[in-house]
């Protein structure tokens, strides 16, 4: 078995190899993959920190799903406060937006109403 491991990869005889090189006009490249031509698999093991399910105790079935531990987003700031300018002036207030077009106030209808 040791002789077979050290033997040359499967190929044709040297005479046919020369004939093939003449007919092809180039040297033939064997596309088969052999162990001696491959790189070793020396990839280091990953060092991944444990997640919420890697606890040794209090690891119940209903708490193993990490999606259950997600909370709704927290509000960092609301729009009630505006930043002051650099001159120490009063805080800017939000301008009142106007609705385009004619505004009809239905609660104000009466005999003096234009409609």
PDB file of N, CA and C in Angstrom:
ATOM      1  N   UNK A   1       0.814  -1.202   0.000  1.00  0.00           N
ATOM      2  CA  UNK A   1       0.000   0.000   0.000  1.00  0.00           C
ATOM      3  C   UNK A   1       0.853   1.259   0.000  1.00  0.00           C
ATOM      4  N   UNK A   2       1.996   1.275   0.681  1.00  0.00           N
ATOM      5  CA  UNK A   2       2.837   2.466   0.711  1.00  0.00           C
ATOM      6  C   UNK A   2       3.387   2.785  -0.670  1.00  0.00           C
ATOM      7  N   UNK A   3       3.631   1.721  -1.476  1.00  0.00           N
ATOM      8  CA  UNK A   3       4.137   1.973  -2.832  1.00  0.00           C
ATOM      9  C   UNK A   3       3.061   2.642  -3.683  1.00  0.00           C
ATOM     10  N   UNK A   4       1.801   2.279  -3.452  1.00  0.00           N
ATOM     11  CA  UNK A   4       0.732   2.876  -4.251  1.00  0.00           C
ATOM     12  C   UNK A   4       0.514   4.329  -3.861  1.00  0.00           C
ATOM     13  N   UNK A   5       0.723   4.667  -2.601  1.00  0.00           N
ATOM     14  CA  UNK A   5       0.532   6.050  -2.172  1.00  0.00           C
ATOM     15  C   UNK A   5       1.612   6.944  -2.753  1.00  0.00           C
ATOM     16  N   UNK A   6       2.805   6.408  -2.935  1.00  0.00           N
ATOM     17  CA  UNK A   6       3.903   7.207  -3.458  1.00  0.00           C
ATOM     18  C   UNK A   6       3.983   7.149  -4.978  1.00  0.00           C
ATOM     19  N   UNK A   7       3.119   6.348  -5.615  1.00  0.00           N
ATOM     20  CA  UNK A   7       3.194   6.225  -7.070  1.00  0.00           C
ATOM     21  C   UNK A   7       2.669   7.477  -7.752  1.00  0.00           C
ATOM     22  N   UNK A   8       2.953   7.534  -9.050  1.00  0.00           N
ATOM     23  CA  UNK A   8       2.517   8.681  -9.843  1.00  0.00           C
ATOM     24  C   UNK A   8       1.008   8.626 -10.060  1.00  0.00           C
ATOM     25  N   UNK A   9       0.414   9.763 -10.242  1.00  0.00           N
ATOM     26  CA  UNK A   9      -1.022   9.827 -10.478  1.00  0.00           C
ATOM     27  C   UNK A   9      -1.362   9.095 -11.771  1.00  0.00           C
ATOM     28  N   UNK A  10      -2.600   8.652 -11.886  1.00  0.00           N
ATOM     29  CA  UNK A  10      -3.013   7.883 -13.069  1.00  0.00           C
ATOM     30  C   UNK A  10      -2.791   8.702 -14.333  1.00  0.00           C
ATOM     31  N   UNK A  11      -2.092   8.084 -15.257  1.00  0.00           N
ATOM     32  CA  UNK A  11      -1.824   8.725 -16.536  1.00  0.00           C
ATOM     33  C   UNK A  11      -1.485   7.641 -17.539  1.00  0.00           C
ATOM     34  N   UNK A  12      -1.340   7.989 -18.781  1.00  0.00           N
ATOM     35  CA  UNK A  12      -0.999   7.005 -19.806  1.00  0.00           C
ATOM     36  C   UNK A  12       0.509   6.805 -19.852  1.00  0.00           C
ATOM     37  N   UNK A  13       0.959   5.877 -20.662  1.00  0.00           N
ATOM     38  CA  UNK A  13       2.387   5.549 -20.741  1.00  0.00           C
ATOM     39  C   UNK A  13       3.177   6.729 -21.284  1.00  0.00           C
ATOM     40  N   UNK A  14       4.491   6.775 -21.038  1.00  0.00           N
ATOM     41  CA  UNK A  14       5.293   7.902 -21.518  1.00  0.00           C
ATOM     42  C   UNK A  14       5.271   8.052 -23.037  1.00  0.00           C
ATOM     43  N   UNK A  15       5.237   6.920 -23.780  1.00  0.00           N
ATOM     44  CA  UNK A  15       5.188   7.011 -25.236  1.00  0.00           C
ATOM     45  C   UNK A  15       3.898   7.684 -25.695  1.00  0.00           C
ATOM     46  N   UNK A  16       2.764   7.228 -25.147  1.00  0.00           N
ATOM     47  CA  UNK A  16       1.480   7.830 -25.533  1.00  0.00           C
ATOM     48  C   UNK A  16       1.378   9.282 -25.053  1.00  0.00           C
ATOM     49  N   UNK A  17       2.046   9.597 -23.943  1.00  0.00           N
ATOM     50  CA  UNK A  17       2.056  10.966 -23.447  1.00  0.00           C
ATOM     51  C   UNK A  17       2.769  11.888 -24.428  1.00  0.00           C
ATOM     52  N   UNK A  18       3.910  11.423 -24.985  1.00  0.00           N
ATOM     53  CA  UNK A  18       4.638  12.223 -25.991  1.00  0.00           C
ATOM     54  C   UNK A  18       3.804  12.364 -27.260  1.00  0.00           C
ATOM     55  N   UNK A  19       3.149  11.272 -27.685  1.00  0.00           N
ATOM     56  CA  UNK A  19       2.315  11.327 -28.889  1.00  0.00           C
ATOM     57  C   UNK A  19       1.150  12.293 -28.682  1.00  0.00           C
ATOM     58  N   UNK A  20       0.544  12.244 -27.517  1.00  0.00           N
ATOM     59  CA  UNK A  20      -0.557  13.160 -27.215  1.00  0.00           C
ATOM     60  C   UNK A  20      -0.079  14.608 -27.220  1.00  0.00           C
ATOM     61  N   UNK A  21       1.122  14.884 -26.700  1.00  0.00           N
ATOM     62  CA  UNK A  21       1.667  16.242 -26.702  1.00  0.00           C
ATOM     63  C   UNK A  21       1.905  16.726 -28.125  1.00  0.00           C
ATOM     64  N   UNK A  22       2.341  15.830 -29.015  1.00  0.00           N
ATOM     65  CA  UNK A  22       2.569  16.227 -30.411  1.00  0.00           C
ATOM     66  C   UNK A  22       1.239  16.515 -31.102  1.00  0.00           C
ATOM     67  N   UNK A  23       0.254  15.649 -30.885  1.00  0.00           N
ATOM     68  CA  UNK A  23      -1.039  15.836 -31.554  1.00  0.00           C
ATOM     69  C   UNK A  23      -1.810  17.035 -31.006  1.00  0.00           C
ATOM     70  N   UNK A  24      -1.690  17.291 -29.708  1.00  0.00           N
ATOM     71  CA  UNK A  24      -2.373  18.444 -29.141  1.00  0.00           C
ATOM     72  C   UNK A  24      -1.639  19.749 -29.415  1.00  0.00           C
ATOM     73  N   UNK A  25      -0.338  19.677 -29.581  1.00  0.00           N
ATOM     74  CA  UNK A  25       0.454  20.878 -29.772  1.00  0.00           C
ATOM     75  C   UNK A  25       0.793  21.561 -28.453  1.00  0.00           C
ATOM     76  N   UNK A  26       0.531  20.892 -27.370  1.00  0.00           N
ATOM     77  CA  UNK A  26       0.823  21.417 -26.027  1.00  0.00           C
ATOM     78  C   UNK A  26       0.884  20.240 -25.069  1.00  0.00           C
ATOM     79  N   UNK A  27       1.351  20.495 -23.844  1.00  0.00           N
ATOM     80  CA  UNK A  27       1.354  19.454 -22.834  1.00  0.00           C
ATOM     81  C   UNK A  27      -0.038  19.341 -22.228  1.00  0.00           C
ATOM     82  N   UNK A  28      -0.467  18.101 -22.048  1.00  0.00           N
ATOM     83  CA  UNK A  28      -1.793  17.843 -21.493  1.00  0.00           C
ATOM     84  C   UNK A  28      -1.779  18.113 -19.993  1.00  0.00           C
ATOM     85  N   UNK A  29      -2.829  18.800 -19.511  1.00  0.00           N
ATOM     86  CA  UNK A  29      -2.965  19.082 -18.077  1.00  0.00           C
ATOM     87  C   UNK A  29      -4.032  18.156 -17.523  1.00  0.00           C
ATOM     88  N   UNK A  30      -3.645  17.287 -16.602  1.00  0.00           N
ATOM     89  CA  UNK A  30      -4.579  16.337 -16.013  1.00  0.00           C
ATOM     90  C   UNK A  30      -5.480  17.080 -15.030  1.00  0.00           C
ATOM     91  N   UNK A  31      -6.783  17.042 -15.286  1.00  0.00           N
ATOM     92  CA  UNK A  31      -7.725  17.792 -14.454  1.00  0.00           C
ATOM     93  C   UNK A  31      -8.211  17.013 -13.246  1.00  0.00           C
ATOM     94  N   UNK A  32      -7.769  15.771 -13.083  1.00  0.00           N
ATOM     95  CA  UNK A  32      -8.173  15.012 -11.918  1.00  0.00           C
ATOM     96  C   UNK A  32      -7.435  15.522 -10.694  1.00  0.00           C
ATOM     97  N   UNK A  33      -8.076  15.397  -9.533  1.00  0.00           N
ATOM     98  CA  UNK A  33      -7.471  15.906  -8.297  1.00  0.00           C
ATOM     99  C   UNK A  33      -6.959  14.735  -7.482  1.00  0.00           C
ATOM    100  N   UNK A  34      -5.691  14.776  -7.173  1.00  0.00           N
ATOM    101  CA  UNK A  34      -5.071  13.730  -6.374  1.00  0.00           C
ATOM    102  C   UNK A  34      -4.585  14.327  -5.066  1.00  0.00           C
ATOM    103  N   UNK A  35      -4.499  13.483  -4.021  1.00  0.00           N
ATOM    104  CA  UNK A  35      -4.213  13.962  -2.676  1.00  0.00           C
ATOM    105  C   UNK A  35      -2.858  14.650  -2.574  1.00  0.00           C
ATOM    106  N   UNK A  36      -1.856  14.174  -3.314  1.00  0.00           N
ATOM    107  CA  UNK A  36      -0.528  14.783  -3.192  1.00  0.00           C
ATOM    108  C   UNK A  36      -0.456  16.156  -3.857  1.00  0.00           C
ATOM    109  N   UNK A  37      -1.421  16.499  -4.703  1.00  0.00           N
ATOM    110  CA  UNK A  37      -1.413  17.797  -5.379  1.00  0.00           C
ATOM    111  C   UNK A  37      -2.334  18.814  -4.696  1.00  0.00           C
ATOM    112  N   UNK A  38      -3.049  18.394  -3.659  1.00  0.00           N
ATOM    113  CA  UNK A  38      -3.979  19.291  -2.985  1.00  0.00           C
ATOM    114  C   UNK A  38      -3.346  19.878  -1.732  1.00  0.00           C
ATOM    115  N   UNK A  39      -3.828  21.008  -1.320  1.00  0.00           N
ATOM    116  CA  UNK A  39      -3.363  21.629  -0.080  1.00  0.00           C
ATOM    117  C   UNK A  39      -3.935  20.869   1.112  1.00  0.00           C
ATOM    118  N   UNK A  40      -3.224  20.909   2.206  1.00  0.00           N
ATOM    119  CA  UNK A  40      -3.698  20.226   3.400  1.00  0.00           C
ATOM    120  C   UNK A  40      -4.855  21.004   4.014  1.00  0.00           C
ATOM    121  N   UNK A  41      -5.695  20.311   4.743  1.00  0.00           N
ATOM    122  CA  UNK A  41      -6.837  20.946   5.403  1.00  0.00           C
ATOM    123  C   UNK A  41      -6.441  21.332   6.820  1.00  0.00           C
ATOM    124  N   UNK A  42      -5.645  22.365   6.922  1.00  0.00           N
ATOM    125  CA  UNK A  42      -5.161  22.789   8.230  1.00  0.00           C
ATOM    126  C   UNK A  42      -5.858  24.070   8.682  1.00  0.00           C
ATOM    127  N   UNK A  43      -7.161  24.112   8.506  1.00  0.00           N
ATOM    128  CA  UNK A  43      -7.934  25.286   8.897  1.00  0.00           C
ATOM    129  C   UNK A  43      -8.117  25.248  10.410  1.00  0.00           C
ATOM    130  N   UNK A  44      -7.805  26.310  11.129  1.00  0.00           N
ATOM    131  CA  UNK A  44      -7.989  26.280  12.586  1.00  0.00           C
ATOM    132  C   UNK A  44      -9.473  26.234  12.940  1.00  0.00           C
ATOM    133  N   UNK A  45      -9.753  25.629  14.061  1.00  0.00           N
ATOM    134  CA  UNK A  45     -11.138  25.538  14.525  1.00  0.00           C
ATOM    135  C   UNK A  45     -11.644  26.933  14.887  1.00  0.00           C
ATOM    136  N   UNK A  46     -12.895  27.246  14.578  1.00  0.00           N
ATOM    137  CA  UNK A  46     -13.416  28.581  14.889  1.00  0.00           C
ATOM    138  C   UNK A  46     -13.570  28.783  16.386  1.00  0.00           C
ATOM    139  N   UNK A  47     -13.337  30.011  16.828  1.00  0.00           N
ATOM    140  CA  UNK A  47     -13.497  30.367  18.227  1.00  0.00           C
ATOM    141  C   UNK A  47     -14.697  31.301  18.322  1.00  0.00           C
ATOM    142  N   UNK A  48     -15.877  30.707  18.407  1.00  0.00           N
ATOM    143  CA  UNK A  48     -17.115  31.477  18.401  1.00  0.00           C
ATOM    144  C   UNK A  48     -17.624  31.587  19.835  1.00  0.00           C
ATOM    145  N   UNK A  49     -17.942  32.786  20.296  1.00  0.00           N
ATOM    146  CA  UNK A  49     -18.466  32.913  21.659  1.00  0.00           C
ATOM    147  C   UNK A  49     -19.841  32.264  21.768  1.00  0.00           C
ATOM    148  N   UNK A  50     -20.138  31.781  22.932  1.00  0.00           N
ATOM    149  CA  UNK A  50     -21.421  31.129  23.157  1.00  0.00           C
ATOM    150  C   UNK A  50     -22.567  32.117  23.101  1.00  0.00           C
ATOM    151  N   UNK A  51     -23.692  31.643  22.639  1.00  0.00           N
ATOM    152  CA  UNK A  51     -24.873  32.485  22.530  1.00  0.00           C
ATOM    153  C   UNK A  51     -25.800  32.281  23.709  1.00  0.00           C
ATOM    154  N   UNK A  52     -27.037  32.706  23.584  1.00  0.00           N
ATOM    155  CA  UNK A  52     -27.977  32.584  24.699  1.00  0.00           C
ATOM    156  C   UNK A  52     -28.354  31.141  25.006  1.00  0.00           C
ATOM    157  N   UNK A  53     -28.123  30.220  24.063  1.00  0.00           N
ATOM    158  CA  UNK A  53     -28.494  28.821  24.292  1.00  0.00           C
ATOM    159  C   UNK A  53     -27.319  27.980  24.765  1.00  0.00           C
ATOM    160  N   UNK A  54     -26.180  28.573  25.042  1.00  0.00           N
ATOM    161  CA  UNK A  54     -25.008  27.819  25.473  1.00  0.00           C
ATOM    162  C   UNK A  54     -24.825  27.839  26.987  1.00  0.00           C
ATOM    163  N   UNK A  55     -25.874  28.184  27.707  1.00  0.00           N
ATOM    164  CA  UNK A  55     -25.792  28.209  29.164  1.00  0.00           C
ATOM    165  C   UNK A  55     -25.802  26.783  29.703  1.00  0.00           C
ATOM    166  N   UNK A  56     -25.165  26.565  30.844  1.00  0.00           N
ATOM    167  CA  UNK A  56     -25.137  25.241  31.451  1.00  0.00           C
ATOM    168  C   UNK A  56     -26.363  24.994  32.312  1.00  0.00           C
ATOM    169  N   UNK A  57     -26.957  26.034  32.833  1.00  0.00           N
ATOM    170  CA  UNK A  57     -28.163  25.865  33.641  1.00  0.00           C
ATOM    171  C   UNK A  57     -29.185  26.898  33.194  1.00  0.00           C
ATOM    172  N   UNK A  58     -30.417  26.697  33.616  1.00  0.00           N
ATOM    173  CA  UNK A  58     -31.535  27.569  33.230  1.00  0.00           C
ATOM    174  C   UNK A  58     -31.652  27.676  31.717  1.00  0.00           C
ATOM    175  N   UNK A  59     -31.464  26.557  31.053  1.00  0.00           N
ATOM    176  CA  UNK A  59     -31.541  26.512  29.595  1.00  0.00           C
ATOM    177  C   UNK A  59     -32.801  25.735  29.213  1.00  0.00           C
ATOM    178  N   UNK A  60     -33.956  26.328  29.466  1.00  0.00           N
ATOM    179  CA  UNK A  60     -35.208  25.650  29.211  1.00  0.00           C
ATOM    180  C   UNK A  60     -35.573  25.710  27.736  1.00  0.00           C
ATOM    181  N   UNK A  61     -36.473  24.815  27.355  1.00  0.00           N
ATOM    182  CA  UNK A  61     -36.837  24.713  25.942  1.00  0.00           C
ATOM    183  C   UNK A  61     -37.448  26.013  25.417  1.00  0.00           C
ATOM    184  N   UNK A  62     -38.319  26.622  26.193  1.00  0.00           N
ATOM    185  CA  UNK A  62     -39.003  27.817  25.707  1.00  0.00           C
ATOM    186  C   UNK A  62     -38.084  29.043  25.683  1.00  0.00           C
ATOM    187  N   UNK A  63     -36.953  28.987  26.381  1.00  0.00           N
ATOM    188  CA  UNK A  63     -36.031  30.129  26.348  1.00  0.00           C
ATOM    189  C   UNK A  63     -34.870  29.903  25.394  1.00  0.00           C
ATOM    190  N   UNK A  64     -34.833  28.746  24.743  1.00  0.00           N
ATOM    191  CA  UNK A  64     -33.719  28.458  23.837  1.00  0.00           C
ATOM    192  C   UNK A  64     -33.811  29.237  22.531  1.00  0.00           C
ATOM    193  N   UNK A  65     -34.995  29.646  22.168  1.00  0.00           N
ATOM    194  CA  UNK A  65     -35.168  30.380  20.920  1.00  0.00           C
ATOM    195  C   UNK A  65     -34.728  31.827  21.137  1.00  0.00           C
ATOM    196  N   UNK A  66     -33.655  32.220  20.472  1.00  0.00           N
ATOM    197  CA  UNK A  66     -33.100  33.563  20.668  1.00  0.00           C
ATOM    198  C   UNK A  66     -34.029  34.645  20.131  1.00  0.00           C
ATOM    199  N   UNK A  67     -34.949  34.282  19.239  1.00  0.00           N
ATOM    200  CA  UNK A  67     -35.870  35.288  18.705  1.00  0.00           C
ATOM    201  C   UNK A  67     -36.831  35.790  19.776  1.00  0.00           C
ATOM    202  N   UNK A  68     -37.042  34.979  20.826  1.00  0.00           N
ATOM    203  CA  UNK A  68     -37.936  35.395  21.905  1.00  0.00           C
ATOM    204  C   UNK A  68     -37.297  36.457  22.782  1.00  0.00           C
ATOM    205  N   UNK A  69     -35.996  36.588  22.729  1.00  0.00           N
ATOM    206  CA  UNK A  69     -35.303  37.550  23.578  1.00  0.00           C
ATOM    207  C   UNK A  69     -35.216  38.939  22.948  1.00  0.00           C
ATOM    208  N   UNK A  70     -35.753  39.089  21.746  1.00  0.00           N
ATOM    209  CA  UNK A  70     -35.717  40.376  21.060  1.00  0.00           C
ATOM    210  C   UNK A  70     -36.819  41.258  21.610  1.00  0.00           C
ATOM    211  N   UNK A  71     -36.481  42.488  21.959  1.00  0.00           N
ATOM    212  CA  UNK A  71     -37.453  43.453  22.469  1.00  0.00           C
ATOM    213  C   UNK A  71     -37.815  44.443  21.376  1.00  0.00           C
ATOM    214  N   UNK A  72     -38.946  45.124  21.508  1.00  0.00           N
ATOM    215  CA  UNK A  72     -39.251  46.177  20.537  1.00  0.00           C
ATOM    216  C   UNK A  72     -38.210  47.291  20.635  1.00  0.00           C
ATOM    217  N   UNK A  73     -38.053  48.064  19.597  1.00  0.00           N
ATOM    218  CA  UNK A  73     -37.032  49.120  19.622  1.00  0.00           C
ATOM    219  C   UNK A  73     -37.330  50.154  20.704  1.00  0.00           C
ATOM    220  N   UNK A  74     -36.281  50.647  21.314  1.00  0.00           N
ATOM    221  CA  UNK A  74     -36.440  51.674  22.343  1.00  0.00           C
ATOM    222  C   UNK A  74     -36.321  53.055  21.711  1.00  0.00           C
ATOM    223  N   UNK A  75     -37.112  53.995  22.212  1.00  0.00           N
ATOM    224  CA  UNK A  75     -37.101  55.351  21.681  1.00  0.00           C
ATOM    225  C   UNK A  75     -35.950  56.109  22.331  1.00  0.00           C
ATOM    226  N   UNK A  76     -35.022  56.567  21.534  1.00  0.00           N
ATOM    227  CA  UNK A  76     -33.890  57.316  22.053  1.00  0.00           C
ATOM    228  C   UNK A  76     -34.213  58.789  22.210  1.00  0.00           C
ATOM    229  N   UNK A  77     -35.045  59.295  21.325  1.00  0.00           N
ATOM    230  CA  UNK A  77     -35.365  60.708  21.366  1.00  0.00           C
ATOM    231  C   UNK A  77     -36.745  60.901  20.761  1.00  0.00           C
ATOM    232  N   UNK A  78     -37.488  61.828  21.290  1.00  0.00           N
ATOM    233  CA  UNK A  78     -38.756  62.153  20.666  1.00  0.00           C
ATOM    234  C   UNK A  78     -38.657  63.542  20.046  1.00  0.00           C
ATOM    235  N   UNK A  79     -39.642  63.906  19.266  1.00  0.00           N
ATOM    236  CA  UNK A  79     -39.574  65.145  18.496  1.00  0.00           C
ATOM    237  C   UNK A  79     -40.049  66.361  19.286  1.00  0.00           C
ATOM    238  N   UNK A  80     -40.244  66.246  20.589  1.00  0.00           N
ATOM    239  CA  UNK A  80     -40.742  67.389  21.346  1.00  0.00           C
ATOM    240  C   UNK A  80     -39.648  68.402  21.638  1.00  0.00           C
ATOM    241  N   UNK A  81     -38.414  67.970  21.708  1.00  0.00           N
ATOM    242  CA  UNK A  81     -37.320  68.909  21.987  1.00  0.00           C
ATOM    243  C   UNK A  81     -36.573  69.212  20.698  1.00  0.00           C
ATOM    244  N   UNK A  82     -36.264  70.467  20.499  1.00  0.00           N
ATOM    245  CA  UNK A  82     -35.464  70.872  19.351  1.00  0.00           C
ATOM    246  C   UNK A  82     -34.129  71.406  19.870  1.00  0.00           C
ATOM    247  N   UNK A  83     -33.119  71.278  19.083  1.00  0.00           N
ATOM    248  CA  UNK A  83     -31.804  71.765  19.481  1.00  0.00           C
ATOM    249  C   UNK A  83     -31.758  73.290  19.424  1.00  0.00           C
ATOM    250  N   UNK A  84     -31.033  73.863  20.344  1.00  0.00           N
ATOM    251  CA  UNK A  84     -30.852  75.309  20.332  1.00  0.00           C
ATOM    252  C   UNK A  84     -29.735  75.664  19.373  1.00  0.00           C
ATOM    253  N   UNK A  85     -29.785  76.896  18.904  1.00  0.00           N
ATOM    254  CA  UNK A  85     -28.698  77.339  18.043  1.00  0.00           C
ATOM    255  C   UNK A  85     -27.469  77.607  18.906  1.00  0.00           C
ATOM    256  N   UNK A  86     -26.344  77.816  18.281  1.00  0.00           N
ATOM    257  CA  UNK A  86     -25.105  78.023  19.010  1.00  0.00           C
ATOM    258  C   UNK A  86     -25.046  79.331  19.764  1.00  0.00           C
ATOM    259  N   UNK A  87     -25.966  80.252  19.538  1.00  0.00           N
ATOM    260  CA  UNK A  87     -25.935  81.563  20.179  1.00  0.00           C
ATOM    261  C   UNK A  87     -26.717  81.582  21.491  1.00  0.00           C
ATOM    262  N   UNK A  88     -27.261  80.447  21.921  1.00  0.00           N
ATOM    263  CA  UNK A  88     -28.002  80.393  23.174  1.00  0.00           C
ATOM    264  C   UNK A  88     -29.392  80.974  23.048  1.00  0.00           C
ATOM    265  N   UNK A  89     -29.935  81.020  21.864  1.00  0.00           N
ATOM    266  CA  UNK A  89     -31.278  81.563  21.661  1.00  0.00           C
ATOM    267  C   UNK A  89     -32.319  80.543  22.112  1.00  0.00           C
ATOM    268  N   UNK A  90     -33.557  80.911  22.048  1.00  0.00           N
ATOM    269  CA  UNK A  90     -34.657  80.038  22.434  1.00  0.00           C
ATOM    270  C   UNK A  90     -34.716  78.876  21.441  1.00  0.00           C
ATOM    271  N   UNK A  91     -35.116  77.734  21.941  1.00  0.00           N
ATOM    272  CA  UNK A  91     -35.189  76.540  21.099  1.00  0.00           C
ATOM    273  C   UNK A  91     -36.173  76.763  19.957  1.00  0.00           C
ATOM    274  N   UNK A  92     -35.816  76.275  18.799  1.00  0.00           N
ATOM    275  CA  UNK A  92     -36.671  76.443  17.630  1.00  0.00           C
ATOM    276  C   UNK A  92     -37.898  75.562  17.771  1.00  0.00           C
ATOM    277  N   UNK A  93     -39.064  76.108  17.406  1.00  0.00           N
ATOM    278  CA  UNK A  93     -40.293  75.332  17.472  1.00  0.00           C
ATOM    279  C   UNK A  93     -40.607  74.806  16.096  1.00  0.00           C
ATOM    280  N   UNK A  94     -41.345  73.730  16.086  1.00  0.00           N
ATOM    281  CA  UNK A  94     -41.704  73.115  14.820  1.00  0.00           C
ATOM    282  C   UNK A  94     -42.775  73.970  14.137  1.00  0.00           C
ATOM    283  N   UNK A  95     -42.569  74.356  12.861  1.00  0.00           N
ATOM    284  CA  UNK A  95     -43.571  75.198  12.189  1.00  0.00           C
ATOM    285  C   UNK A  95     -44.858  74.416  11.936  1.00  0.00           C
ATOM    286  N   UNK A  96     -45.984  75.111  12.029  1.00  0.00           N
ATOM    287  CA  UNK A  96     -47.279  74.486  11.795  1.00  0.00           C
ATOM    288  C   UNK A  96     -47.455  74.342  10.294  1.00  0.00           C
ATOM    289  N   UNK A  97     -47.694  73.115   9.850  1.00  0.00           N
ATOM    290  CA  UNK A  97     -47.856  72.910   8.412  1.00  0.00           C
ATOM    291  C   UNK A  97     -49.269  73.296   8.008  1.00  0.00           C
ATOM    292  N   UNK A  98     -49.398  73.786   6.809  1.00  0.00           N
ATOM    293  CA  UNK A  98     -50.696  74.219   6.305  1.00  0.00           C
ATOM    294  C   UNK A  98     -51.199  73.194   5.313  1.00  0.00           C
ATOM    295  N   UNK A  99     -52.496  72.967   5.339  1.00  0.00           N
ATOM    296  CA  UNK A  99     -53.107  72.054   4.397  1.00  0.00           C
ATOM    297  C   UNK A  99     -53.373  72.815   3.109  1.00  0.00           C
ATOM    298  N   UNK A 100     -52.970  72.270   1.966  1.00  0.00           N
ATOM    299  CA  UNK A 100     -53.210  72.983   0.710  1.00  0.00           C
ATOM    300  C   UNK A 100     -54.699  72.993   0.348  1.00  0.00           C
ATOM    301  N   UNK A 101     -55.107  74.001  -0.364  1.00  0.00           N
ATOM    302  CA  UNK A 101     -56.486  74.109  -0.811  1.00  0.00           C
ATOM    303  C   UNK A 101     -57.390  74.746   0.223  1.00  0.00           C
ATOM    304  N   UNK A 102     -58.677  74.862  -0.131  1.00  0.00           N
ATOM    305  CA  UNK A 102     -59.640  75.494   0.745  1.00  0.00           C
ATOM    306  C   UNK A 102     -60.011  74.538   1.878  1.00  0.00           C
ATOM    307  N   UNK A 103     -59.985  75.026   3.101  1.00  0.00           N
ATOM    308  CA  UNK A 103     -60.343  74.200   4.248  1.00  0.00           C
ATOM    309  C   UNK A 103     -61.805  74.448   4.581  1.00  0.00           C
ATOM    310  N   UNK A 104     -62.546  73.373   4.667  1.00  0.00           N
ATOM    311  CA  UNK A 104     -63.960  73.468   5.012  1.00  0.00           C
ATOM    312  C   UNK A 104     -64.116  72.951   6.420  1.00  0.00           C
ATOM    313  N   UNK A 105     -64.645  73.795   7.264  1.00  0.00           N
ATOM    314  CA  UNK A 105     -64.891  73.386   8.640  1.00  0.00           C
ATOM    315  C   UNK A 105     -66.380  73.063   8.756  1.00  0.00           C
ATOM    316  N   UNK A 106     -66.699  71.804   8.760  1.00  0.00           N
ATOM    317  CA  UNK A 106     -68.109  71.369   8.734  1.00  0.00           C
ATOM    318  C   UNK A 106     -68.842  71.721  10.028  1.00  0.00           C
ATOM    319  N   UNK A 107     -68.096  71.852  11.130  1.00  0.00           N
ATOM    320  CA  UNK A 107     -68.765  72.162  12.390  1.00  0.00           C
ATOM    321  C   UNK A 107     -69.186  73.623  12.468  1.00  0.00           C
ATOM    322  N   UNK A 108     -68.731  74.446  11.547  1.00  0.00           N
ATOM    323  CA  UNK A 108     -69.051  75.875  11.583  1.00  0.00           C
ATOM    324  C   UNK A 108     -70.138  76.261  10.601  1.00  0.00           C
ATOM    325  N   UNK A 109     -70.886  75.281  10.040  1.00  0.00           N
ATOM    326  CA  UNK A 109     -71.940  75.646   9.104  1.00  0.00           C
ATOM    327  C   UNK A 109     -73.087  76.339   9.817  1.00  0.00           C
ATOM    328  N   UNK A 110     -73.596  77.319   9.153  1.00  0.00           N
ATOM    329  CA  UNK A 110     -74.720  78.062   9.720  1.00  0.00           C
ATOM    330  C   UNK A 110     -75.329  78.923   8.633  1.00  0.00           C
ATOM    331  N   UNK A 111     -76.271  79.813   9.002  1.00  0.00           N
ATOM    332  CA  UNK A 111     -76.940  80.654   7.993  1.00  0.00           C
ATOM    333  C   UNK A 111     -75.972  81.612   7.329  1.00  0.00           C
ATOM    334  N   UNK A 112     -74.874  81.983   8.003  1.00  0.00           N
ATOM    335  CA  UNK A 112     -73.923  82.928   7.386  1.00  0.00           C
ATOM    336  C   UNK A 112     -72.828  82.185   6.625  1.00  0.00           C
ATOM    337  N   UNK A 113     -72.943  80.881   6.493  1.00  0.00           N
ATOM    338  CA  UNK A 113     -71.912  80.114   5.813  1.00  0.00           C
ATOM    339  C   UNK A 113     -71.933  80.399   4.319  1.00  0.00           C
ATOM    340  N   UNK A 114     -70.776  80.501   3.668  1.00  0.00           N
ATOM    341  CA  UNK A 114     -70.777  80.816   2.240  1.00  0.00           C
ATOM    342  C   UNK A 114     -71.244  79.649   1.386  1.00  0.00           C
ATOM    343  N   UNK A 115     -71.347  78.496   1.931  1.00  0.00           N
ATOM    344  CA  UNK A 115     -71.743  77.339   1.105  1.00  0.00           C
ATOM    345  C   UNK A 115     -73.214  77.066   1.225  1.00  0.00           C
TER     346      UNK A 115
END
